[in-house]
Amino acid sequence: MTTRDLHPRYMRATTALREHDAQCTTCTPAARCPEGARLYESFSRLQDAYLNHNRNGR
């Protein structure tokens, strides 16, 4: 996977999480609803992959 592949996926995950957080009345910084947890996990995984990919110069 290249940075070109990761970046758009990472940005889509960021947008989805932000949109969810703006509308969800259940999510808090300490606890997330099931959908919020799924979106956060996706965002976190893609962010880690993107940052690691950049650090390793690939």
Protein backbone atom coordinates (compact mmCIF):
# COMPACT_ATOMS: atom_id res chain seq x y z
CA MET A 1 0.00 0.00 0.00
CA THR A 2 1.33 3.41 -0.90
CA THR A 3 0.91 6.78 0.77
CA ARG A 4 -1.27 7.71 -2.19
CA ASP A 5 -3.62 4.86 -1.23
CA LEU A 6 -3.53 5.56 2.49
CA HIS A 7 -4.01 9.31 2.50
CA PRO A 8 -7.50 9.44 0.92
CA ARG A 9 -8.68 6.56 3.11
CA TYR A 10 -7.29 8.29 6.21
CA MET A 11 -8.98 11.57 5.25
CA ARG A 12 -12.33 9.84 4.61
CA ALA A 13 -12.10 8.16 8.02
CA THR A 14 -11.31 11.53 9.63
CA THR A 15 -14.31 13.15 7.95
CA ALA A 16 -16.65 10.30 8.88
CA LEU A 17 -15.55 10.44 12.52
CA ARG A 18 -15.90 14.23 12.71
CA GLU A 19 -19.35 14.12 11.14
CA HIS A 20 -20.44 11.42 13.53
CA ASP A 21 -19.05 13.28 16.55
CA ALA A 22 -20.86 16.45 15.51
CA GLN A 23 -24.22 14.66 15.41
CA CYS A 24 -24.02 11.92 18.04
CA THR A 25 -25.49 12.78 21.41
CA THR A 26 -24.14 9.58 23.00
CA CYS A 27 -20.41 9.82 22.30
CA THR A 28 -18.12 11.53 24.80
CA PRO A 29 -14.32 11.82 24.92
CA ALA A 30 -14.30 8.95 27.43
CA ALA A 31 -16.89 6.64 25.81
CA ARG A 32 -18.28 6.06 22.35
CA CYS A 33 -21.45 4.51 20.99
CA PRO A 34 -20.96 1.34 18.89
CA GLU A 35 -20.91 3.29 15.60
CA GLY A 36 -18.58 5.92 17.05
CA ALA A 37 -16.27 3.19 18.35
CA ARG A 38 -16.17 1.56 14.91
CA LEU A 39 -15.41 4.87 13.20
CA TYR A 40 -12.75 5.77 15.76
CA GLU A 41 -11.07 2.38 15.37
CA SER A 42 -10.98 2.79 11.60
CA PHE A 43 -9.60 6.32 11.89
CA SER A 44 -6.99 5.27 14.45
CA ARG A 45 -5.82 2.27 12.40
CA LEU A 46 -5.52 4.32 9.21
CA GLN A 47 -3.78 7.19 11.00
CA ASP A 48 -1.21 4.78 12.47
CA ALA A 49 -0.64 3.16 9.08
CA TYR A 50 -0.28 6.53 7.33
CA LEU A 51 2.13 7.94 9.91
CA ASN A 52 4.20 4.75 10.06
CA HIS A 53 4.34 4.64 6.29
CA ASN A 54 5.67 8.20 6.19
CA ARG A 55 8.19 7.60 8.99
CA ASN A 56 9.59 4.57 7.20
CA GLY A 57 9.99 6.49 3.96
CA ARG A 58 8.00 4.06 1.86
